[in-house]
Amino acid sequence: MLAGILLALVGLADVARARTGTDAAPRRALCTTAVVLLWAGVTVVAVLGLGVDVRSALTLVVLAALWVATTVPVRSGGGASRRGRALPWLRRSGSWPAALLAVAVAVLLLWAPAPDASGFVVDWHRDAGPAFVRAVPLAAVVAGIGSALFLVDSANVVVAQALPPGLSPDERPGAETAEPTRRKRSSRRRTNTSPDADAAAAADGTVTLKGGRLIGPIERLLLAGFALAGAFPVVAALIAAKGIVRFPEIRRETTGYQAEYFLIGSLVSWAMAFAAAGTCWLLAQS
């Protein structure tokens, strides 16, 4: 259950960061306020509703804060959050934040003591009307909610960390960089940006995933849901369909960047979806 709460904290923080932005002082203030309010609500539900002791809840908040401090949000509405001069302490840290988060989730799943079975959420689950709600252990329900929140935007952060620098087509010279919405009309008249613009974007530390910001979350949620439902032929069909759709684009690529970009991003994304589904399945069997 504690692992699900941690994933919920991280997922809610990244949802807020991806949609409010952190590249200007007003947006940073709005983002901070939203994250604090969301985390306060989750902490209250965990302590009063799930029976988690205050010390464990605060530990989970600290772990989620470490994730926020060492990762860069991927914007979902066009463009990526900026760091560098705006937030000098918020820097790209490679894949180690994701690895440490995976270790923390594993430790919480395997060795963390179960919270006291008391609270208004526990009572609701025990006395819920639909039989299928009572049939699923509460820990699996919490893990499912936390995993779903994590797969929306936090998984995009993990994918961006997994891609080697310069591998993304958006980061190669001549590629069109992400710009604010107000510049989209003028960008239609040109296909490439200058090397100086690309260098400035790299100095700002922008992280771009373009269409994957929307396709990725939908794909991961579908894969995790169908895997939990045991619809493995549908899972295979979804994976095959993505490969078929991407094949013409990869075939036209002469440098090999597109194929590597697709393979690394897709494999990391699928691995997170299946890991979330497996975690929920194991908790449901306990």
C-alpha atoms as a PDB file:
ATOM      1  CA  MET A   1       0.000   0.000   0.000  1.00  0.00           C
ATOM      2  CA  LEU A   2       2.843   2.391   0.817  1.00  0.00           C
ATOM      3  CA  ALA A   3       4.302   1.868  -2.659  1.00  0.00           C
ATOM      4  CA  GLY A   4       0.981   2.882  -4.210  1.00  0.00           C
ATOM      5  CA  ILE A   5       0.868   6.030  -2.103  1.00  0.00           C
ATOM      6  CA  LEU A   6       4.413   6.948  -3.165  1.00  0.00           C
ATOM      7  CA  LEU A   7       3.526   6.474  -6.834  1.00  0.00           C
ATOM      8  CA  ALA A   8       0.419   8.608  -6.326  1.00  0.00           C
ATOM      9  CA  LEU A   9       2.492  11.416  -4.783  1.00  0.00           C
ATOM     10  CA  VAL A  10       5.006  11.330  -7.625  1.00  0.00           C
ATOM     11  CA  GLY A  11       2.317  11.063 -10.287  1.00  0.00           C
ATOM     12  CA  LEU A  12       0.262  13.962  -8.938  1.00  0.00           C
ATOM     13  CA  ALA A  13       3.356  16.155  -8.696  1.00  0.00           C
ATOM     14  CA  ASP A  14       4.313  15.477 -12.303  1.00  0.00           C
ATOM     15  CA  VAL A  15       0.742  16.025 -13.510  1.00  0.00           C
ATOM     16  CA  ALA A  16       0.813  19.437 -11.832  1.00  0.00           C
ATOM     17  CA  ARG A  17       4.292  20.269 -13.124  1.00  0.00           C
ATOM     18  CA  ALA A  18       3.501  19.228 -16.695  1.00  0.00           C
ATOM     19  CA  ARG A  19       0.389  21.396 -16.839  1.00  0.00           C
ATOM     20  CA  THR A  20       1.421  24.486 -14.900  1.00  0.00           C
ATOM     21  CA  GLY A  21       5.079  24.749 -15.896  1.00  0.00           C
ATOM     22  CA  THR A  22       8.114  25.862 -13.939  1.00  0.00           C
ATOM     23  CA  ASP A  23       9.788  28.259 -16.394  1.00  0.00           C
ATOM     24  CA  ALA A  24       8.477  31.518 -14.870  1.00  0.00           C
ATOM     25  CA  ALA A  25       8.012  32.801 -11.343  1.00  0.00           C
ATOM     26  CA  PRO A  26       4.167  32.910 -11.429  1.00  0.00           C
ATOM     27  CA  ARG A  27       4.035  29.416 -12.871  1.00  0.00           C
ATOM     28  CA  ARG A  28       6.490  28.097 -10.298  1.00  0.00           C
ATOM     29  CA  ALA A  29       4.373  29.571  -7.517  1.00  0.00           C
ATOM     30  CA  LEU A  30       1.209  28.052  -8.999  1.00  0.00           C
ATOM     31  CA  CYS A  31       2.918  24.691  -9.471  1.00  0.00           C
ATOM     32  CA  THR A  32       4.296  24.680  -5.923  1.00  0.00           C
ATOM     33  CA  THR A  33       0.903  25.565  -4.476  1.00  0.00           C
ATOM     34  CA  ALA A  34      -0.822  22.844  -6.488  1.00  0.00           C
ATOM     35  CA  VAL A  35       1.723  20.191  -5.486  1.00  0.00           C
ATOM     36  CA  VAL A  36       1.569  21.138  -1.800  1.00  0.00           C
ATOM     37  CA  LEU A  37      -2.242  21.003  -1.774  1.00  0.00           C
ATOM     38  CA  LEU A  38      -2.324  17.678  -3.612  1.00  0.00           C
ATOM     39  CA  TRP A  39       0.283  16.141  -1.330  1.00  0.00           C
ATOM     40  CA  ALA A  40      -1.510  17.435   1.747  1.00  0.00           C
ATOM     41  CA  GLY A  41      -4.721  15.795   0.560  1.00  0.00           C
ATOM     42  CA  VAL A  42      -2.976  12.481  -0.135  1.00  0.00           C
ATOM     43  CA  THR A  43      -1.263  12.583   3.258  1.00  0.00           C
ATOM     44  CA  VAL A  44      -4.557  13.197   5.066  1.00  0.00           C
ATOM     45  CA  VAL A  45      -6.211  10.326   3.208  1.00  0.00           C
ATOM     46  CA  ALA A  46      -3.249   8.049   3.919  1.00  0.00           C
ATOM     47  CA  VAL A  47      -3.167   8.827   7.655  1.00  0.00           C
ATOM     48  CA  LEU A  48      -6.866   9.142   8.443  1.00  0.00           C
ATOM     49  CA  GLY A  49      -8.300   6.941   5.724  1.00  0.00           C
ATOM     50  CA  LEU A  50      -5.772   4.128   5.323  1.00  0.00           C
ATOM     51  CA  GLY A  51      -4.230   3.948   8.780  1.00  0.00           C
ATOM     52  CA  VAL A  52      -0.698   4.934   7.718  1.00  0.00           C
ATOM     53  CA  ASP A  53       1.305   6.344  10.613  1.00  0.00           C
ATOM     54  CA  VAL A  54       2.470   9.936  10.354  1.00  0.00           C
ATOM     55  CA  ARG A  55       6.171   9.045  10.216  1.00  0.00           C
ATOM     56  CA  SER A  56       5.705   6.734   7.242  1.00  0.00           C
ATOM     57  CA  ALA A  57       3.559   9.309   5.460  1.00  0.00           C
ATOM     58  CA  LEU A  58       6.213  11.996   5.912  1.00  0.00           C
ATOM     59  CA  THR A  59       8.878   9.602   4.645  1.00  0.00           C
ATOM     60  CA  LEU A  60       6.861   9.063   1.483  1.00  0.00           C
ATOM     61  CA  VAL A  61       6.525  12.824   1.016  1.00  0.00           C
ATOM     62  CA  VAL A  62      10.311  13.228   1.368  1.00  0.00           C
ATOM     63  CA  LEU A  63      10.919  10.513  -1.236  1.00  0.00           C
ATOM     64  CA  ALA A  64       8.482  12.186  -3.632  1.00  0.00           C
ATOM     65  CA  ALA A  65      10.159  15.565  -3.022  1.00  0.00           C
ATOM     66  CA  LEU A  66      13.539  14.036  -3.945  1.00  0.00           C
ATOM     67  CA  TRP A  67      12.023  12.876  -7.233  1.00  0.00           C
ATOM     68  CA  VAL A  68      10.685  16.355  -7.951  1.00  0.00           C
ATOM     69  CA  ALA A  69      14.035  17.975  -7.098  1.00  0.00           C
ATOM     70  CA  THR A  70      16.065  15.727  -9.407  1.00  0.00           C
ATOM     71  CA  THR A  71      13.841  15.427 -12.480  1.00  0.00           C
ATOM     72  CA  VAL A  72      12.617  17.762 -15.192  1.00  0.00           C
ATOM     73  CA  PRO A  73       8.898  17.747 -16.064  1.00  0.00           C
ATOM     74  CA  VAL A  74       7.866  17.035 -19.641  1.00  0.00           C
ATOM     75  CA  ARG A  75       5.256  19.537 -20.726  1.00  0.00           C
ATOM     76  CA  SER A  76       2.075  18.016 -22.130  1.00  0.00           C
ATOM     77  CA  GLY A  77       0.806  21.011 -24.008  1.00  0.00           C
ATOM     78  CA  GLY A  78       3.652  21.871 -26.339  1.00  0.00           C
ATOM     79  CA  GLY A  79       7.183  22.418 -25.254  1.00  0.00           C
ATOM     80  CA  ALA A  80       9.155  21.347 -22.260  1.00  0.00           C
ATOM     81  CA  SER A  81       9.764  22.907 -18.924  1.00  0.00           C
ATOM     82  CA  ARG A  82      12.882  25.003 -18.744  1.00  0.00           C
ATOM     83  CA  ARG A  83      15.575  24.771 -16.165  1.00  0.00           C
ATOM     84  CA  GLY A  84      19.085  26.217 -15.927  1.00  0.00           C
ATOM     85  CA  ARG A  85      18.813  29.908 -15.059  1.00  0.00           C
ATOM     86  CA  ALA A  86      15.207  29.637 -13.922  1.00  0.00           C
ATOM     87  CA  LEU A  87      15.808  26.732 -11.559  1.00  0.00           C
ATOM     88  CA  PRO A  88      19.565  26.065 -11.259  1.00  0.00           C
ATOM     89  CA  TRP A  89      19.067  23.284  -8.716  1.00  0.00           C
ATOM     90  CA  LEU A  90      16.664  21.427 -11.012  1.00  0.00           C
ATOM     91  CA  ARG A  91      18.921  19.659 -13.488  1.00  0.00           C
ATOM     92  CA  ARG A  92      18.853  16.622 -15.667  1.00  0.00           C
ATOM     93  CA  SER A  93      20.251  13.800 -13.573  1.00  0.00           C
ATOM     94  CA  GLY A  94      20.289  10.856 -15.959  1.00  0.00           C
ATOM     95  CA  SER A  95      18.389   7.701 -15.132  1.00  0.00           C
ATOM     96  CA  TRP A  96      19.410   7.341 -11.492  1.00  0.00           C
ATOM     97  CA  PRO A  97      16.289   9.060 -10.046  1.00  0.00           C
ATOM     98  CA  ALA A  98      14.121   6.482 -11.828  1.00  0.00           C
ATOM     99  CA  ALA A  99      16.366   3.666 -10.593  1.00  0.00           C
ATOM    100  CA  LEU A 100      16.204   4.919  -6.998  1.00  0.00           C
ATOM    101  CA  LEU A 101      12.435   5.273  -7.229  1.00  0.00           C
ATOM    102  CA  ALA A 102      12.183   1.684  -8.482  1.00  0.00           C
ATOM    103  CA  VAL A 103      14.306   0.507  -5.547  1.00  0.00           C
ATOM    104  CA  ALA A 104      12.144   2.470  -3.092  1.00  0.00           C
ATOM    105  CA  VAL A 105       8.957   0.971  -4.551  1.00  0.00           C
ATOM    106  CA  ALA A 106      10.430  -2.533  -4.359  1.00  0.00           C
ATOM    107  CA  VAL A 107      11.483  -2.035  -0.737  1.00  0.00           C
ATOM    108  CA  LEU A 108       8.048  -0.717   0.201  1.00  0.00           C
ATOM    109  CA  LEU A 109       6.386  -3.658  -1.527  1.00  0.00           C
ATOM    110  CA  LEU A 110       8.569  -6.375  -0.027  1.00  0.00           C
ATOM    111  CA  TRP A 111       9.649  -5.206   3.410  1.00  0.00           C
ATOM    112  CA  ALA A 112       7.547  -2.249   4.545  1.00  0.00           C
ATOM    113  CA  PRO A 113       5.107  -3.117   7.350  1.00  0.00           C
ATOM    114  CA  ALA A 114       1.436  -2.966   6.453  1.00  0.00           C
ATOM    115  CA  PRO A 115      -0.471   0.016   7.898  1.00  0.00           C
ATOM    116  CA  ASP A 116      -3.186  -0.434  10.487  1.00  0.00           C
ATOM    117  CA  ALA A 117      -6.455  -1.481   8.882  1.00  0.00           C
ATOM    118  CA  SER A 118      -8.414   1.485  10.192  1.00  0.00           C
ATOM    119  CA  GLY A 119      -9.784   4.648   8.657  1.00  0.00           C
ATOM    120  CA  PHE A 120     -12.680   5.929   6.609  1.00  0.00           C
ATOM    121  CA  VAL A 121     -11.281   4.535   3.334  1.00  0.00           C
ATOM    122  CA  VAL A 122     -10.847   1.110   4.933  1.00  0.00           C
ATOM    123  CA  ASP A 123     -14.417   1.246   6.222  1.00  0.00           C
ATOM    124  CA  TRP A 124     -15.735   2.297   2.813  1.00  0.00           C
ATOM    125  CA  HIS A 125     -13.896  -0.539   1.099  1.00  0.00           C
ATOM    126  CA  ARG A 126     -15.154  -3.095   3.578  1.00  0.00           C
ATOM    127  CA  ASP A 127     -18.763  -1.910   3.372  1.00  0.00           C
ATOM    128  CA  ALA A 128     -18.840  -0.992  -0.316  1.00  0.00           C
ATOM    129  CA  GLY A 129     -21.924  -2.110  -2.191  1.00  0.00           C
ATOM    130  CA  PRO A 130     -20.489  -3.695  -5.373  1.00  0.00           C
ATOM    131  CA  ALA A 131     -19.074  -7.129  -4.705  1.00  0.00           C
ATOM    132  CA  PHE A 132     -16.163  -6.654  -7.121  1.00  0.00           C
ATOM    133  CA  VAL A 133     -14.897  -3.734  -5.025  1.00  0.00           C
ATOM    134  CA  ARG A 134     -14.781  -5.824  -1.869  1.00  0.00           C
ATOM    135  CA  ALA A 135     -13.179  -8.706  -3.774  1.00  0.00           C
ATOM    136  CA  VAL A 136     -10.084  -6.649  -4.623  1.00  0.00           C
ATOM    137  CA  PRO A 137      -7.667  -6.044  -1.714  1.00  0.00           C
ATOM    138  CA  LEU A 138      -7.389  -2.401  -0.724  1.00  0.00           C
ATOM    139  CA  ALA A 139      -3.615  -2.467  -1.261  1.00  0.00           C
ATOM    140  CA  ALA A 140      -4.192  -3.447  -4.895  1.00  0.00           C
ATOM    141  CA  VAL A 141      -6.731  -0.639  -5.327  1.00  0.00           C
ATOM    142  CA  VAL A 142      -4.286   1.931  -3.944  1.00  0.00           C
ATOM    143  CA  ALA A 143      -1.468   0.536  -6.094  1.00  0.00           C
ATOM    144  CA  GLY A 144      -3.715   0.700  -9.163  1.00  0.00           C
ATOM    145  CA  ILE A 145      -4.574   4.350  -8.565  1.00  0.00           C
ATOM    146  CA  GLY A 146      -0.952   5.265  -7.871  1.00  0.00           C
ATOM    147  CA  SER A 147       0.301   3.356 -10.909  1.00  0.00           C
ATOM    148  CA  ALA A 148      -2.256   5.022 -13.181  1.00  0.00           C
ATOM    149  CA  LEU A 149      -1.201   8.469 -11.977  1.00  0.00           C
ATOM    150  CA  PHE A 150       2.466   7.578 -12.452  1.00  0.00           C
ATOM    151  CA  LEU A 151       1.929   6.279 -15.992  1.00  0.00           C
ATOM    152  CA  VAL A 152       0.367   9.564 -17.125  1.00  0.00           C
ATOM    153  CA  ASP A 153       3.251  12.055 -16.850  1.00  0.00           C
ATOM    154  CA  SER A 154       5.935  10.587 -14.597  1.00  0.00           C
ATOM    155  CA  ALA A 155       6.561   7.813 -17.110  1.00  0.00           C
ATOM    156  CA  ASN A 156       7.251  10.481 -19.746  1.00  0.00           C
ATOM    157  CA  VAL A 157       9.965  11.800 -17.447  1.00  0.00           C
ATOM    158  CA  VAL A 158      11.494   8.322 -17.191  1.00  0.00           C
ATOM    159  CA  VAL A 159      11.426   7.909 -20.976  1.00  0.00           C
ATOM    160  CA  ALA A 160      13.107  11.293 -21.445  1.00  0.00           C
ATOM    161  CA  GLN A 161      15.795  10.294 -18.934  1.00  0.00           C
ATOM    162  CA  ALA A 162      16.372   6.967 -20.680  1.00  0.00           C
ATOM    163  CA  LEU A 163      17.007   8.523 -24.091  1.00  0.00           C
ATOM    164  CA  PRO A 164      20.738   9.278 -24.547  1.00  0.00           C
ATOM    165  CA  PRO A 165      21.544  12.977 -25.145  1.00  0.00           C
ATOM    166  CA  GLY A 166      21.363  13.847 -28.828  1.00  0.00           C
ATOM    167  CA  LEU A 167      19.417  10.714 -29.768  1.00  0.00           C
ATOM    168  CA  SER A 168      16.032  12.397 -29.890  1.00  0.00           C
ATOM    169  CA  PRO A 169      15.206  13.818 -33.330  1.00  0.00           C
ATOM    170  CA  ASP A 170      14.196  17.040 -31.580  1.00  0.00           C
ATOM    171  CA  GLU A 171      17.734  17.510 -30.293  1.00  0.00           C
ATOM    172  CA  ARG A 172      19.613  16.968 -33.567  1.00  0.00           C
ATOM    173  CA  PRO A 173      20.811  19.979 -35.584  1.00  0.00           C
ATOM    174  CA  GLY A 174      18.158  21.198 -37.975  1.00  0.00           C
ATOM    175  CA  ALA A 175      15.231  19.768 -36.059  1.00  0.00           C
ATOM    176  CA  GLU A 176      12.362  22.037 -35.156  1.00  0.00           C
ATOM    177  CA  THR A 177      12.448  22.877 -31.473  1.00  0.00           C
ATOM    178  CA  ALA A 178       9.379  23.181 -29.319  1.00  0.00           C
ATOM    179  CA  GLU A 179       8.122  26.731 -28.987  1.00  0.00           C
ATOM    180  CA  PRO A 180       5.353  28.446 -27.053  1.00  0.00           C
ATOM    181  CA  THR A 181       1.847  28.369 -28.519  1.00  0.00           C
ATOM    182  CA  ARG A 182       1.987  31.985 -29.607  1.00  0.00           C
ATOM    183  CA  ARG A 183       4.836  31.173 -32.023  1.00  0.00           C
ATOM    184  CA  LYS A 184       3.197  28.241 -33.761  1.00  0.00           C
ATOM    185  CA  ARG A 185       1.762  30.308 -36.615  1.00  0.00           C
ATOM    186  CA  SER A 186       5.110  31.764 -37.550  1.00  0.00           C
ATOM    187  CA  SER A 187       6.812  28.370 -37.306  1.00  0.00           C
ATOM    188  CA  ARG A 188       4.631  26.990 -40.111  1.00  0.00           C
ATOM    189  CA  ARG A 189       6.500  29.110 -42.632  1.00  0.00           C
ATOM    190  CA  ARG A 190       9.808  27.441 -41.894  1.00  0.00           C
ATOM    191  CA  THR A 191      10.843  23.849 -41.539  1.00  0.00           C
ATOM    192  CA  ASN A 192      14.192  24.103 -39.766  1.00  0.00           C
ATOM    193  CA  THR A 193      15.644  26.267 -37.061  1.00  0.00           C
ATOM    194  CA  SER A 194      19.121  27.692 -37.046  1.00  0.00           C
ATOM    195  CA  PRO A 195      21.979  25.973 -35.200  1.00  0.00           C
ATOM    196  CA  ASP A 196      22.072  28.961 -32.836  1.00  0.00           C
ATOM    197  CA  ALA A 197      18.452  28.321 -31.825  1.00  0.00           C
ATOM    198  CA  ASP A 198      19.184  24.643 -31.261  1.00  0.00           C
ATOM    199  CA  ALA A 199      22.207  25.525 -29.155  1.00  0.00           C
ATOM    200  CA  ALA A 200      20.125  27.939 -27.081  1.00  0.00           C
ATOM    201  CA  ALA A 201      17.478  25.295 -26.536  1.00  0.00           C
ATOM    202  CA  ALA A 202      20.127  22.810 -25.464  1.00  0.00           C
ATOM    203  CA  ALA A 203      21.587  25.371 -23.056  1.00  0.00           C
ATOM    204  CA  ASP A 204      18.161  25.892 -21.514  1.00  0.00           C
ATOM    205  CA  GLY A 205      17.912  22.137 -21.008  1.00  0.00           C
ATOM    206  CA  THR A 206      14.574  21.622 -22.713  1.00  0.00           C
ATOM    207  CA  VAL A 207      13.179  18.102 -22.870  1.00  0.00           C
ATOM    208  CA  THR A 208      10.898  17.329 -25.800  1.00  0.00           C
ATOM    209  CA  LEU A 209       8.862  14.243 -26.618  1.00  0.00           C
ATOM    210  CA  LYS A 210       6.331  15.856 -28.998  1.00  0.00           C
ATOM    211  CA  GLY A 211       3.511  13.438 -29.868  1.00  0.00           C
ATOM    212  CA  GLY A 212       4.724  10.921 -27.333  1.00  0.00           C
ATOM    213  CA  ARG A 213       3.479  13.210 -24.572  1.00  0.00           C
ATOM    214  CA  LEU A 214      -0.072  12.166 -25.477  1.00  0.00           C
ATOM    215  CA  ILE A 215       0.429   8.820 -27.178  1.00  0.00           C
ATOM    216  CA  GLY A 216       2.639   7.441 -24.423  1.00  0.00           C
ATOM    217  CA  PRO A 217       0.214   7.814 -21.486  1.00  0.00           C
ATOM    218  CA  ILE A 218      -2.713   6.424 -23.486  1.00  0.00           C
ATOM    219  CA  GLU A 219      -0.638   3.494 -24.681  1.00  0.00           C
ATOM    220  CA  ARG A 220       0.696   2.679 -21.206  1.00  0.00           C
ATOM    221  CA  LEU A 221      -2.721   2.829 -19.562  1.00  0.00           C
ATOM    222  CA  LEU A 222      -4.230   0.609 -22.244  1.00  0.00           C
ATOM    223  CA  LEU A 223      -1.411  -1.923 -22.026  1.00  0.00           C
ATOM    224  CA  ALA A 224      -1.562  -2.060 -18.225  1.00  0.00           C
ATOM    225  CA  GLY A 225      -5.356  -2.359 -18.234  1.00  0.00           C
ATOM    226  CA  PHE A 226      -5.490  -5.098 -20.861  1.00  0.00           C
ATOM    227  CA  ALA A 227      -2.642  -6.961 -19.173  1.00  0.00           C
ATOM    228  CA  LEU A 228      -4.506  -6.917 -15.859  1.00  0.00           C
ATOM    229  CA  ALA A 229      -7.630  -8.133 -17.636  1.00  0.00           C
ATOM    230  CA  GLY A 230      -5.676 -10.995 -19.191  1.00  0.00           C
ATOM    231  CA  ALA A 231      -6.336  -9.771 -22.734  1.00  0.00           C
ATOM    232  CA  PHE A 232      -2.844 -10.585 -23.951  1.00  0.00           C
ATOM    233  CA  PRO A 233      -3.834 -10.896 -27.649  1.00  0.00           C
ATOM    234  CA  VAL A 234      -5.047  -7.288 -27.469  1.00  0.00           C
ATOM    235  CA  VAL A 235      -1.753  -6.292 -25.852  1.00  0.00           C
ATOM    236  CA  ALA A 236       0.173  -7.962 -28.668  1.00  0.00           C
ATOM    237  CA  ALA A 237      -2.070  -6.274 -31.248  1.00  0.00           C
ATOM    238  CA  LEU A 238      -1.443  -2.827 -29.739  1.00  0.00           C
ATOM    239  CA  ILE A 239       2.316  -3.332 -29.753  1.00  0.00           C
ATOM    240  CA  ALA A 240       2.226  -4.633 -33.330  1.00  0.00           C
ATOM    241  CA  ALA A 241       0.020  -1.750 -34.452  1.00  0.00           C
ATOM    242  CA  LYS A 242       2.469   0.802 -33.088  1.00  0.00           C
ATOM    243  CA  GLY A 243       5.323  -0.875 -34.953  1.00  0.00           C
ATOM    244  CA  ILE A 244       3.339  -0.931 -38.188  1.00  0.00           C
ATOM    245  CA  VAL A 245       2.418   2.739 -37.913  1.00  0.00           C
ATOM    246  CA  ARG A 246       6.003   3.748 -37.157  1.00  0.00           C
ATOM    247  CA  PHE A 247       7.625   1.509 -39.773  1.00  0.00           C
ATOM    248  CA  PRO A 248       7.335   3.886 -42.792  1.00  0.00           C
ATOM    249  CA  GLU A 249       8.841   6.734 -40.782  1.00  0.00           C
ATOM    250  CA  ILE A 250      11.686   4.540 -39.548  1.00  0.00           C
ATOM    251  CA  ARG A 251      12.302   3.172 -43.045  1.00  0.00           C
ATOM    252  CA  ARG A 252      12.747   6.686 -44.474  1.00  0.00           C
ATOM    253  CA  GLU A 253      15.328   7.482 -41.805  1.00  0.00           C
ATOM    254  CA  THR A 254      18.893   7.091 -43.087  1.00  0.00           C
ATOM    255  CA  THR A 255      20.863   7.802 -39.910  1.00  0.00           C
ATOM    256  CA  GLY A 256      19.309   5.177 -37.640  1.00  0.00           C
ATOM    257  CA  TYR A 257      18.373   7.728 -34.994  1.00  0.00           C
ATOM    258  CA  GLN A 258      14.656   7.247 -35.499  1.00  0.00           C
ATOM    259  CA  ALA A 259      14.806   3.471 -35.017  1.00  0.00           C
ATOM    260  CA  GLU A 260      16.866   3.754 -31.836  1.00  0.00           C
ATOM    261  CA  TYR A 261      14.629   6.525 -30.535  1.00  0.00           C
ATOM    262  CA  PHE A 262      11.529   4.408 -31.169  1.00  0.00           C
ATOM    263  CA  LEU A 263      12.973   1.226 -29.683  1.00  0.00           C
ATOM    264  CA  ILE A 264      14.374   2.760 -26.506  1.00  0.00           C
ATOM    265  CA  GLY A 265      11.333   4.912 -25.810  1.00  0.00           C
ATOM    266  CA  SER A 266       8.857   2.130 -26.557  1.00  0.00           C
ATOM    267  CA  LEU A 267      10.665  -0.546 -24.553  1.00  0.00           C
ATOM    268  CA  VAL A 268      10.995   1.691 -21.504  1.00  0.00           C
ATOM    269  CA  SER A 269       7.350   2.737 -21.777  1.00  0.00           C
ATOM    270  CA  TRP A 270       6.120  -0.852 -22.157  1.00  0.00           C
ATOM    271  CA  ALA A 271       8.290  -2.023 -19.279  1.00  0.00           C
ATOM    272  CA  MET A 272       6.707   0.524 -16.939  1.00  0.00           C
ATOM    273  CA  ALA A 273       3.193  -0.440 -18.041  1.00  0.00           C
ATOM    274  CA  PHE A 274       3.817  -4.138 -17.489  1.00  0.00           C
ATOM    275  CA  ALA A 275       5.592  -3.500 -14.192  1.00  0.00           C
ATOM    276  CA  ALA A 276       2.592  -1.515 -12.946  1.00  0.00           C
ATOM    277  CA  ALA A 277       0.208  -4.248 -14.069  1.00  0.00           C
ATOM    278  CA  GLY A 278       2.348  -6.931 -12.446  1.00  0.00           C
ATOM    279  CA  THR A 279       2.509  -5.035  -9.167  1.00  0.00           C
ATOM    280  CA  CYS A 280      -1.267  -4.650  -9.027  1.00  0.00           C
ATOM    281  CA  TRP A 281      -1.754  -8.321  -9.934  1.00  0.00           C
ATOM    282  CA  LEU A 282       0.603  -9.514  -7.185  1.00  0.00           C
ATOM    283  CA  LEU A 283      -1.102  -7.342  -4.582  1.00  0.00           C
ATOM    284  CA  ALA A 284      -4.499  -8.575  -5.747  1.00  0.00           C
ATOM    285  CA  GLN A 285      -3.381 -12.173  -5.187  1.00  0.00           C
ATOM    286  CA  SER A 286      -2.214 -11.524  -1.634  1.00  0.00           C
END
